Amino acid sequence: MDTQEILGLPIALPDGVNYDDYVIGTYLVSYPAVLPVPLVAPLLAVEQSTGTWIAVPGETPEVRCQHVAKVIGVYEMPDYEAMLPPNLQDRQWFVQIAYPEVNIGEQIPMLLTTVVGNISMGGDIKLLDIRLPKKYVNGFKGPKFGIDGVRKLLGVYNRPLLNNMIKPCTGYGLELGAELFRKAALGGCDIVKDDELIADASFNSALGRVKRYMEIEKQVFEETGEHTLYTVNITDNIPKVFKNAKKAVELGANAIMINYLAVGFPVMQALAEDKSISVPILAHMDVAGALYMSPYHGMSSHLVLGKLPRLAGADVVVIPAPYGKAPVIDYKFKNAARNLSFPLYNLKPTFPMASGGITPSMVPKVMADLGSDIVIGSGGGIHAHPQGPVAGGKAFRQAIDATMQNIPLSEYAKAHEELDMALKVWMDPFSKGIRV
């Protein structure tokens, strides 16, 4: 077999490809034992690159040399070497496929079409990770502000930020929302966001909220000396989503929010790269579970919640935390946060926002897991405080201050009524050995 024939094969050694020119997809493949995955994997590689289910004249040796995807690893777990156990029903494999970056270009839609694409319908196949070459990532501007930029806007540099989701989720009018925004801001919330379930509603318009809430933001700043970012939910159809964003900024909005999976990655990327939309973007995770929750299908959560929204330009991404109501494994939560904030070529780090039933008692655990460069998100944990949302915000800020000073919350609460009340209402799930 000559060199051209070898280069045209849909297989290669892991050391036989130039990683600067390939996107590497790593998959979990769970197939019945009768299916020989080492023989099936190259068919998957061809399916996702140059070929189809039958040979076609246009798939020439020259085309395959330049554009065929290559299986660079097939590993079984456990790693059988000699004999298979009798009556083995299913076998699990890790498969790595290298896709020529030139097939994809510097964009997310064709990345997903290539690495997930048709093979997502090929049985139990889950994309575990994507290794991206530098030249691919260089095609993205990423977050416009990132962690440092958001901190600079707020003038807060050395502690976690506190976010409040206005509750109820939807169904309220402008004046109730304005009052809840005021109380959350007075309580010390650095960011107040719309819930993902309210956008430009017939009973409460997004632009109406921007005008009213930003008036209140100025009033609260004059009173407290602390700014508040209001992330108005501009999620909508195209082109209205862009009109919503630009009009919100014209009216004085200092941040925007989008349900990025519902509208698609290219929409958020276009917002992030639009110079006229000169405010941070908070990305909400709706629809994410449909993509990652299956252990055998879809994509791993750190891609859906971490690497991909960061590529598309999110400055803050809401991720489910394992302390409250979200069914999340601790390691998965941390891995999503790492994909948002750890070094990734030229991209600025994105704020991970831990969310989902968070109460003040959980603050030490969140900070122990992720550090200080995070946003702590709470809705009911602020609005349902027995003394109201102002006290709810203060309780969280007190919990953050105590943790920053390495003081146990129970000790700090003796001199801080709001935190003391919160700890009495919401039992510490870690010291009591329970989960809420």
Protein backbone atom coordinates (compact mmCIF):
# COMPACT_ATOMS: atom_id res chain seq x y z
CA MET A 1 0.00 0.00 0.00
CA ASP A 2 1.56 3.34 -1.03
CA THR A 3 1.51 6.57 0.94
CA GLN A 4 -1.45 8.07 -0.89
CA GLU A 5 -3.52 4.98 -0.25
CA ILE A 6 -2.66 5.11 3.45
CA LEU A 7 -3.46 8.84 3.69
CA GLY A 8 -6.82 8.19 2.06
CA LEU A 9 -7.86 5.64 4.66
CA PRO A 10 -10.34 6.61 7.40
CA ILE A 11 -7.86 5.37 10.02
CA ALA A 12 -4.55 6.65 11.36
CA LEU A 13 -2.27 6.39 14.35
CA PRO A 14 -2.86 9.01 17.07
CA ASP A 15 0.66 10.23 16.29
CA GLY A 16 0.04 10.21 12.56
CA VAL A 17 -2.16 13.31 12.28
CA ASN A 18 -1.23 16.96 12.66
CA TYR A 19 -3.29 18.16 15.60
CA ASP A 20 -3.08 21.72 14.29
CA ASP A 21 -5.21 20.66 11.33
CA TYR A 22 -7.79 18.38 12.95
CA VAL A 23 -10.71 18.60 15.34
CA ILE A 24 -10.67 15.53 17.58
CA GLY A 25 -13.96 14.07 18.76
CA THR A 26 -13.98 11.53 21.59
CA TYR A 27 -17.04 9.27 21.84
CA LEU A 28 -18.56 6.66 24.10
CA VAL A 29 -19.98 3.90 21.90
CA SER A 30 -22.18 1.28 23.55
CA TYR A 31 -23.14 -1.43 21.07
CA PRO A 32 -24.30 -5.04 21.20
CA ALA A 33 -21.37 -7.46 21.37
CA VAL A 34 -22.12 -8.78 17.89
CA LEU A 35 -21.25 -5.42 16.30
CA PRO A 36 -17.47 -5.08 15.72
CA VAL A 37 -16.87 -1.44 16.70
CA PRO A 38 -13.24 -1.43 15.42
CA LEU A 39 -14.72 -2.15 11.96
CA VAL A 40 -17.75 0.11 12.38
CA ALA A 41 -15.81 3.19 13.57
CA PRO A 42 -14.15 3.93 10.19
CA LEU A 43 -17.60 3.80 8.59
CA LEU A 44 -18.70 6.50 11.05
CA ALA A 45 -15.65 8.59 10.12
CA VAL A 46 -16.46 8.31 6.41
CA GLU A 47 -20.14 9.08 7.07
CA GLN A 48 -19.16 12.33 8.79
CA SER A 49 -16.68 13.46 6.14
CA THR A 50 -16.33 12.45 2.48
CA GLY A 51 -18.58 9.47 1.95
CA THR A 52 -21.94 7.89 2.44
CA TRP A 53 -23.38 4.40 2.80
CA ILE A 54 -22.22 3.41 -0.69
CA ALA A 55 -19.18 4.32 -2.81
CA VAL A 56 -19.73 7.30 -5.11
CA PRO A 57 -17.55 8.40 -8.06
CA GLY A 58 -16.73 11.83 -6.63
CA GLU A 59 -15.02 10.39 -3.57
CA THR A 60 -11.68 10.17 -5.32
CA PRO A 61 -8.36 9.23 -3.68
CA GLU A 62 -7.38 12.91 -3.82
CA VAL A 63 -10.56 13.97 -2.03
CA ARG A 64 -10.12 11.32 0.65
CA CYS A 65 -6.47 12.27 1.26
CA GLN A 66 -7.45 15.86 2.03
CA HIS A 67 -10.88 15.51 3.59
CA VAL A 68 -11.63 12.07 5.03
CA ALA A 69 -11.99 11.85 8.79
CA LYS A 70 -9.74 9.35 10.52
CA VAL A 71 -10.28 7.01 13.43
CA ILE A 72 -7.20 7.50 15.60
CA GLY A 73 -8.24 5.40 18.57
CA VAL A 74 -10.63 2.58 19.49
CA TYR A 75 -10.41 1.45 23.12
CA GLU A 76 -12.68 -1.00 24.87
CA MET A 77 -13.65 -0.81 28.53
CA PRO A 78 -12.72 -3.24 30.01
CA ASP A 79 -9.73 -3.83 27.75
CA TYR A 80 -10.20 -7.46 26.69
CA GLU A 81 -7.07 -8.95 25.13
CA ALA A 82 -7.59 -12.70 24.74
CA MET A 83 -11.10 -14.00 25.28
CA LEU A 84 -14.50 -12.41 25.72
CA PRO A 85 -16.69 -13.47 28.65
CA PRO A 86 -19.39 -15.97 27.65
CA ASN A 87 -22.87 -14.58 27.01
CA LEU A 88 -21.56 -11.01 26.71
CA GLN A 89 -24.48 -8.83 25.63
CA ASP A 90 -23.05 -5.32 25.23
CA ARG A 91 -19.58 -3.80 24.85
CA GLN A 92 -18.49 -0.23 25.55
CA TRP A 93 -15.82 1.56 23.57
CA PHE A 94 -14.06 4.91 23.52
CA VAL A 95 -13.57 6.03 19.92
CA GLN A 96 -11.54 9.03 18.78
CA ILE A 97 -12.08 10.51 15.33
CA ALA A 98 -9.96 13.27 13.77
CA TYR A 99 -11.89 15.58 11.44
CA PRO A 100 -10.04 17.87 9.03
CA GLU A 101 -10.56 21.42 10.26
CA VAL A 102 -10.77 22.57 6.66
CA ASN A 103 -14.05 20.63 6.31
CA ILE A 104 -15.60 22.68 9.08
CA GLY A 105 -14.34 26.25 9.03
CA GLU A 106 -14.37 28.55 12.05
CA GLN A 107 -18.04 28.23 12.98
CA ILE A 108 -20.19 26.22 15.38
CA PRO A 109 -23.04 24.99 13.11
CA MET A 110 -20.73 22.98 10.86
CA LEU A 111 -18.71 21.83 13.88
CA LEU A 112 -21.83 20.26 15.37
CA THR A 113 -22.94 18.95 11.98
CA THR A 114 -19.59 17.21 11.64
CA VAL A 115 -18.87 15.85 15.12
CA VAL A 116 -22.47 15.02 16.11
CA GLY A 117 -24.44 15.04 12.86
CA ASN A 118 -25.93 11.87 11.41
CA ILE A 119 -24.07 9.59 13.78
CA SER A 120 -26.20 10.95 16.62
CA MET A 121 -28.88 8.68 15.14
CA GLY A 122 -26.55 5.69 14.98
CA GLY A 123 -27.46 4.09 18.28
CA ASP A 124 -25.77 4.60 21.63
CA ILE A 125 -23.11 7.17 20.72
CA LYS A 126 -22.28 10.13 22.99
CA LEU A 127 -19.78 12.88 22.23
CA LEU A 128 -17.61 13.12 25.35
CA ASP A 129 -15.25 15.88 24.29
CA ILE A 130 -13.90 17.98 21.42
CA ARG A 131 -10.25 18.95 21.13
CA LEU A 132 -10.05 22.12 19.04
CA PRO A 133 -6.95 23.30 17.15
CA LYS A 134 -5.71 26.83 17.75
CA LYS A 135 -6.55 28.05 14.25
CA TYR A 136 -10.16 27.01 14.74
CA VAL A 137 -10.49 28.91 18.03
CA ASN A 138 -8.71 31.90 16.51
CA GLY A 139 -11.75 32.31 14.28
CA PHE A 140 -13.82 33.32 17.31
CA LYS A 141 -13.73 36.53 19.33
CA GLY A 142 -15.23 34.86 22.37
CA PRO A 143 -16.48 36.87 25.36
CA LYS A 144 -16.42 40.62 24.83
CA PHE A 145 -16.00 41.31 28.56
CA GLY A 146 -15.21 38.03 30.29
CA ILE A 147 -14.57 37.81 34.02
CA ASP A 148 -12.25 40.82 34.25
CA GLY A 149 -14.48 43.02 32.12
CA VAL A 150 -17.62 42.29 34.12
CA ARG A 151 -15.73 42.91 37.36
CA LYS A 152 -14.49 46.25 36.02
CA LEU A 153 -18.03 47.36 35.15
CA LEU A 154 -19.16 46.65 38.70
CA GLY A 155 -15.99 47.73 40.48
CA VAL A 156 -15.91 44.40 42.33
CA TYR A 157 -12.60 42.59 42.08
CA ASN A 158 -12.04 40.14 44.92
CA ARG A 159 -15.21 38.21 45.73
CA PRO A 160 -17.88 36.15 44.02
CA LEU A 161 -20.65 38.15 42.39
CA LEU A 162 -24.23 37.68 43.52
CA ASN A 163 -27.01 37.25 40.97
CA ASN A 164 -30.73 37.28 41.63
CA MET A 165 -33.39 35.86 39.32
CA ILE A 166 -36.62 37.81 39.73
CA LYS A 167 -39.37 35.52 40.99
CA PRO A 168 -42.10 34.64 40.17
CA CYS A 169 -40.69 33.41 36.87
CA THR A 170 -43.37 35.06 34.73
CA GLY A 171 -46.90 36.43 34.87
CA TYR A 172 -46.17 39.66 36.77
CA GLY A 173 -46.56 43.25 35.61
CA LEU A 174 -43.95 45.96 35.28
CA GLU A 175 -44.43 47.63 38.65
CA LEU A 176 -44.16 44.41 40.66
CA GLY A 177 -41.02 43.50 38.74
CA ALA A 178 -39.60 46.97 39.33
CA GLU A 179 -40.18 46.69 43.06
CA LEU A 180 -38.55 43.26 43.19
CA PHE A 181 -35.60 44.58 41.17
CA ARG A 182 -35.21 47.50 43.61
CA LYS A 183 -35.21 45.21 46.62
CA ALA A 184 -32.73 42.79 45.12
CA ALA A 185 -30.40 45.66 44.21
CA LEU A 186 -30.72 47.21 47.67
CA GLY A 187 -29.90 43.80 49.15
CA GLY A 188 -26.52 43.83 47.42
CA CYS A 189 -27.14 41.76 44.29
CA ASP A 190 -24.50 42.61 41.70
CA ILE A 191 -26.62 41.22 38.87
CA VAL A 192 -30.39 40.97 38.64
CA LYS A 193 -31.66 38.92 35.74
CA ASP A 194 -35.00 38.19 34.20
CA ASP A 195 -36.08 34.62 34.62
CA GLU A 196 -35.63 32.66 31.41
CA LEU A 197 -39.42 32.27 31.15
CA ILE A 198 -40.13 35.96 30.63
CA ALA A 199 -38.85 37.89 27.62
CA ASP A 200 -40.83 40.43 25.60
CA ALA A 201 -44.19 39.45 27.07
CA SER A 202 -47.50 41.00 26.10
CA PHE A 203 -48.14 41.85 29.77
CA ASN A 204 -44.60 43.08 30.54
CA SER A 205 -42.42 44.28 27.68
CA ALA A 206 -38.66 43.82 27.74
CA LEU A 207 -37.97 47.42 26.71
CA GLY A 208 -40.42 48.71 29.30
CA ARG A 209 -38.48 46.83 31.94
CA VAL A 210 -35.17 48.26 30.72
CA LYS A 211 -36.37 51.86 31.03
CA ARG A 212 -37.91 51.36 34.47
CA TYR A 213 -35.24 49.13 35.99
CA MET A 214 -32.34 51.28 34.82
CA GLU A 215 -33.96 54.31 36.48
CA ILE A 216 -34.02 52.30 39.68
CA GLU A 217 -30.43 51.14 39.17
CA LYS A 218 -29.27 54.76 39.21
CA GLN A 219 -31.30 55.49 42.33
CA VAL A 220 -29.91 52.47 44.18
CA PHE A 221 -26.35 53.36 43.15
CA GLU A 222 -26.79 56.86 44.61
CA GLU A 223 -28.01 55.27 47.84
CA THR A 224 -25.56 52.37 48.20
CA GLY A 225 -22.59 53.20 45.97
CA GLU A 226 -22.92 49.81 44.28
CA HIS A 227 -23.89 49.26 40.65
CA THR A 228 -26.26 46.52 39.51
CA LEU A 229 -26.23 44.85 36.11
CA TYR A 230 -29.72 44.15 34.80
CA THR A 231 -29.69 41.33 32.25
CA VAL A 232 -32.87 41.82 30.25
CA ASN A 233 -34.03 38.71 28.40
CA ILE A 234 -33.97 39.59 24.70
CA THR A 235 -34.69 36.01 23.51
CA ASP A 236 -36.98 36.07 20.48
CA ASN A 237 -37.34 35.18 16.81
CA ILE A 238 -34.87 36.48 14.24
CA PRO A 239 -34.54 39.39 13.49
CA LYS A 240 -36.43 40.63 16.56
CA VAL A 241 -33.81 39.23 18.94
CA PHE A 242 -31.25 41.64 17.42
CA LYS A 243 -33.71 44.54 17.46
CA ASN A 244 -34.48 43.82 21.12
CA ALA A 245 -30.79 43.83 22.02
CA LYS A 246 -29.90 47.02 20.15
CA LYS A 247 -32.94 48.93 21.40
CA ALA A 248 -32.25 47.79 24.97
CA VAL A 249 -28.70 49.15 24.77
CA GLU A 250 -29.98 52.41 23.27
CA LEU A 251 -32.35 52.74 26.23
CA GLY A 252 -29.49 52.33 28.70
CA ALA A 253 -29.37 48.59 29.38
CA ASN A 254 -26.05 47.63 30.97
CA ALA A 255 -26.34 43.89 30.16
CA ILE A 256 -28.48 41.46 28.20
CA MET A 257 -29.55 37.86 28.64
CA ILE A 258 -30.33 35.18 26.08
CA ASN A 259 -31.56 31.59 26.13
CA TYR A 260 -28.66 30.59 23.90
CA LEU A 261 -29.61 27.02 23.08
CA ALA A 262 -33.18 27.99 22.22
CA VAL A 263 -32.04 30.59 19.68
CA GLY A 264 -28.83 28.83 18.59
CA PHE A 265 -25.12 29.45 19.04
CA PRO A 266 -24.75 31.63 15.89
CA VAL A 267 -27.33 34.09 17.23
CA MET A 268 -25.43 34.59 20.47
CA GLN A 269 -22.14 34.83 18.60
CA ALA A 270 -23.57 37.53 16.34
CA LEU A 271 -24.75 39.48 19.39
CA ALA A 272 -21.35 39.16 21.06
CA GLU A 273 -19.48 40.31 17.97
CA ASP A 274 -21.79 43.26 17.24
CA LYS A 275 -19.90 46.39 18.32
CA SER A 276 -23.14 48.30 18.88
CA ILE A 277 -24.18 45.79 21.57
CA SER A 278 -21.60 47.06 24.01
CA VAL A 279 -22.74 45.22 27.14
CA PRO A 280 -22.07 41.79 28.71
CA ILE A 281 -24.14 38.78 27.71
CA LEU A 282 -25.54 36.37 30.26
CA ALA A 283 -26.35 33.00 28.68
CA HIS A 284 -29.09 30.83 30.14
CA MET A 285 -28.99 27.05 29.81
CA ASP A 286 -32.56 26.19 28.74
CA VAL A 287 -32.81 23.07 26.55
CA ALA A 288 -29.38 21.89 27.77
CA GLY A 289 -30.73 18.76 29.45
CA ALA A 290 -32.15 17.53 26.16
CA LEU A 291 -28.61 17.54 24.79
CA TYR A 292 -26.56 16.08 27.64
CA MET A 293 -28.66 14.25 30.24
CA SER A 294 -28.58 10.82 28.59
CA PRO A 295 -25.51 8.77 29.58
CA TYR A 296 -25.43 7.23 26.07
CA HIS A 297 -26.59 9.96 23.68
CA GLY A 298 -25.94 13.61 22.88
CA MET A 299 -22.97 15.56 24.17
CA SER A 300 -21.31 15.89 27.55
CA SER A 301 -22.44 18.81 29.70
CA HIS A 302 -19.09 20.59 29.75
CA LEU A 303 -19.44 21.12 25.99
CA VAL A 304 -23.04 22.30 26.08
CA LEU A 305 -22.62 24.49 29.17
CA GLY A 306 -18.94 25.38 28.90
CA LYS A 307 -16.73 25.26 25.85
CA LEU A 308 -19.33 26.02 23.17
CA PRO A 309 -21.10 29.03 24.79
CA ARG A 310 -17.67 30.46 25.64
CA LEU A 311 -16.66 30.15 21.99
CA ALA A 312 -19.90 31.90 21.04
CA GLY A 313 -19.15 34.88 23.28
CA ALA A 314 -21.03 34.47 26.57
CA ASP A 315 -19.64 36.56 29.44
CA VAL A 316 -21.64 34.68 32.09
CA VAL A 317 -23.16 31.20 31.71
CA VAL A 318 -25.72 29.73 34.10
CA ILE A 319 -24.79 26.17 35.07
CA PRO A 320 -26.70 23.81 37.37
CA ALA A 321 -25.06 23.24 40.75
CA PRO A 322 -25.25 19.94 42.68
CA TYR A 323 -26.27 21.57 45.96
CA GLY A 324 -29.87 22.47 45.30
CA LYS A 325 -32.59 21.20 43.01
CA ALA A 326 -30.48 20.23 40.00
CA PRO A 327 -29.64 16.53 39.43
CA VAL A 328 -25.94 17.09 38.73
CA ILE A 329 -22.84 15.07 39.57
CA ASP A 330 -20.27 17.16 41.43
CA TYR A 331 -17.46 16.46 38.97
CA LYS A 332 -19.62 17.39 35.98
CA PHE A 333 -20.44 20.75 37.58
CA LYS A 334 -16.77 21.50 38.17
CA ASN A 335 -15.81 20.42 34.67
CA ALA A 336 -18.36 22.76 33.09
CA ALA A 337 -16.94 25.61 35.17
CA ARG A 338 -13.38 24.75 34.11
CA ASN A 339 -14.35 24.81 30.44
CA LEU A 340 -15.71 28.30 30.98
CA SER A 341 -12.82 29.76 32.93
CA PHE A 342 -9.58 27.84 32.38
CA PRO A 343 -7.11 29.01 29.68
CA LEU A 344 -8.36 28.31 26.14
CA TYR A 345 -6.02 29.82 23.55
CA ASN A 346 -6.97 33.48 22.98
CA LEU A 347 -10.43 33.42 24.58
CA LYS A 348 -11.23 35.45 27.68
CA PRO A 349 -12.53 33.42 30.63
CA THR A 350 -16.29 33.33 31.14
CA PHE A 351 -17.98 33.62 34.54
CA PRO A 352 -19.60 30.33 35.63
CA MET A 353 -22.84 31.04 37.49
CA ALA A 354 -23.81 28.30 39.93
CA SER A 355 -27.57 28.07 40.07
CA GLY A 356 -30.57 25.92 40.94
CA GLY A 357 -31.97 26.13 44.46
CA ILE A 358 -28.94 27.86 46.00
CA THR A 359 -29.32 29.20 49.56
CA PRO A 360 -26.83 31.11 51.77
CA SER A 361 -25.84 27.94 53.63
CA MET A 362 -24.35 26.58 50.40
CA VAL A 363 -22.00 29.51 49.75
CA PRO A 364 -18.93 27.98 51.47
CA LYS A 365 -19.29 24.79 49.44
CA VAL A 366 -19.71 26.63 46.14
CA MET A 367 -16.61 28.72 46.83
CA ALA A 368 -14.61 25.72 48.00
CA ASP A 369 -15.44 23.98 44.73
CA LEU A 370 -14.96 26.85 42.27
CA GLY A 371 -13.10 29.64 44.06
CA SER A 372 -13.97 33.34 43.97
CA ASP A 373 -14.19 33.98 40.21
CA ILE A 374 -17.81 32.87 40.04
CA VAL A 375 -21.33 34.21 40.11
CA ILE A 376 -23.64 32.74 42.71
CA GLY A 377 -27.20 32.68 41.44
CA SER A 378 -30.32 32.54 43.59
CA GLY A 379 -33.99 33.20 43.00
CA GLY A 380 -36.15 31.74 45.73
CA GLY A 381 -33.23 31.83 48.19
CA ILE A 382 -33.47 35.64 48.04
CA HIS A 383 -37.14 36.36 47.37
CA ALA A 384 -38.41 33.79 49.89
CA HIS A 385 -36.31 35.09 52.80
CA PRO A 386 -38.71 35.59 55.75
CA GLN A 387 -37.74 39.26 55.95
CA GLY A 388 -38.04 39.86 52.20
CA PRO A 389 -35.70 40.17 49.20
CA VAL A 390 -33.54 42.96 50.68
CA ALA A 391 -32.72 40.73 53.63
CA GLY A 392 -32.33 37.77 51.27
CA GLY A 393 -29.65 39.59 49.31
CA LYS A 394 -27.92 40.74 52.47
CA ALA A 395 -27.86 37.19 53.81
CA PHE A 396 -26.00 36.01 50.73
CA ARG A 397 -23.54 38.89 50.87
CA GLN A 398 -22.92 38.12 54.52
CA ALA A 399 -22.33 34.46 53.68
CA ILE A 400 -19.85 35.51 51.00
CA ASP A 401 -18.06 37.90 53.37
CA ALA A 402 -17.85 35.24 56.07
CA THR A 403 -16.43 32.69 53.66
CA MET A 404 -13.89 35.18 52.31
CA GLN A 405 -12.73 35.71 55.92
CA ASN A 406 -12.74 31.95 56.73
CA ILE A 407 -15.35 32.47 59.43
CA PRO A 408 -17.97 29.71 59.88
CA LEU A 409 -21.42 30.89 58.83
CA SER A 410 -22.90 29.92 62.18
CA GLU A 411 -20.38 32.16 63.92
CA TYR A 412 -20.81 35.08 61.52
CA ALA A 413 -24.59 34.82 61.80
CA LYS A 414 -24.51 35.70 65.50
CA ALA A 415 -23.92 39.33 64.55
CA HIS A 416 -25.85 39.34 61.27
CA GLU A 417 -29.60 38.91 61.59
CA GLU A 418 -30.34 38.31 57.90
CA LEU A 419 -27.87 35.43 57.64
CA ASP A 420 -29.01 33.99 60.95
CA MET A 421 -32.61 33.90 59.77
CA ALA A 422 -31.62 32.31 56.45
CA LEU A 423 -29.63 29.57 58.17
CA LYS A 424 -32.59 28.79 60.42
CA VAL A 425 -34.98 28.54 57.48
CA TRP A 426 -32.69 26.67 55.08
CA MET A 427 -30.88 23.87 56.83
CA ASP A 428 -27.22 23.43 55.89
CA PRO A 429 -27.36 20.32 53.65
CA PHE A 430 -23.67 19.52 54.17
CA SER A 431 -23.44 19.59 57.95
CA LYS A 432 -26.72 17.71 58.29
CA GLY A 433 -25.95 15.07 55.70
CA ILE A 434 -28.96 15.81 53.49
CA ARG A 435 -29.60 17.32 50.08
CA VAL A 436 -32.26 19.91 49.36
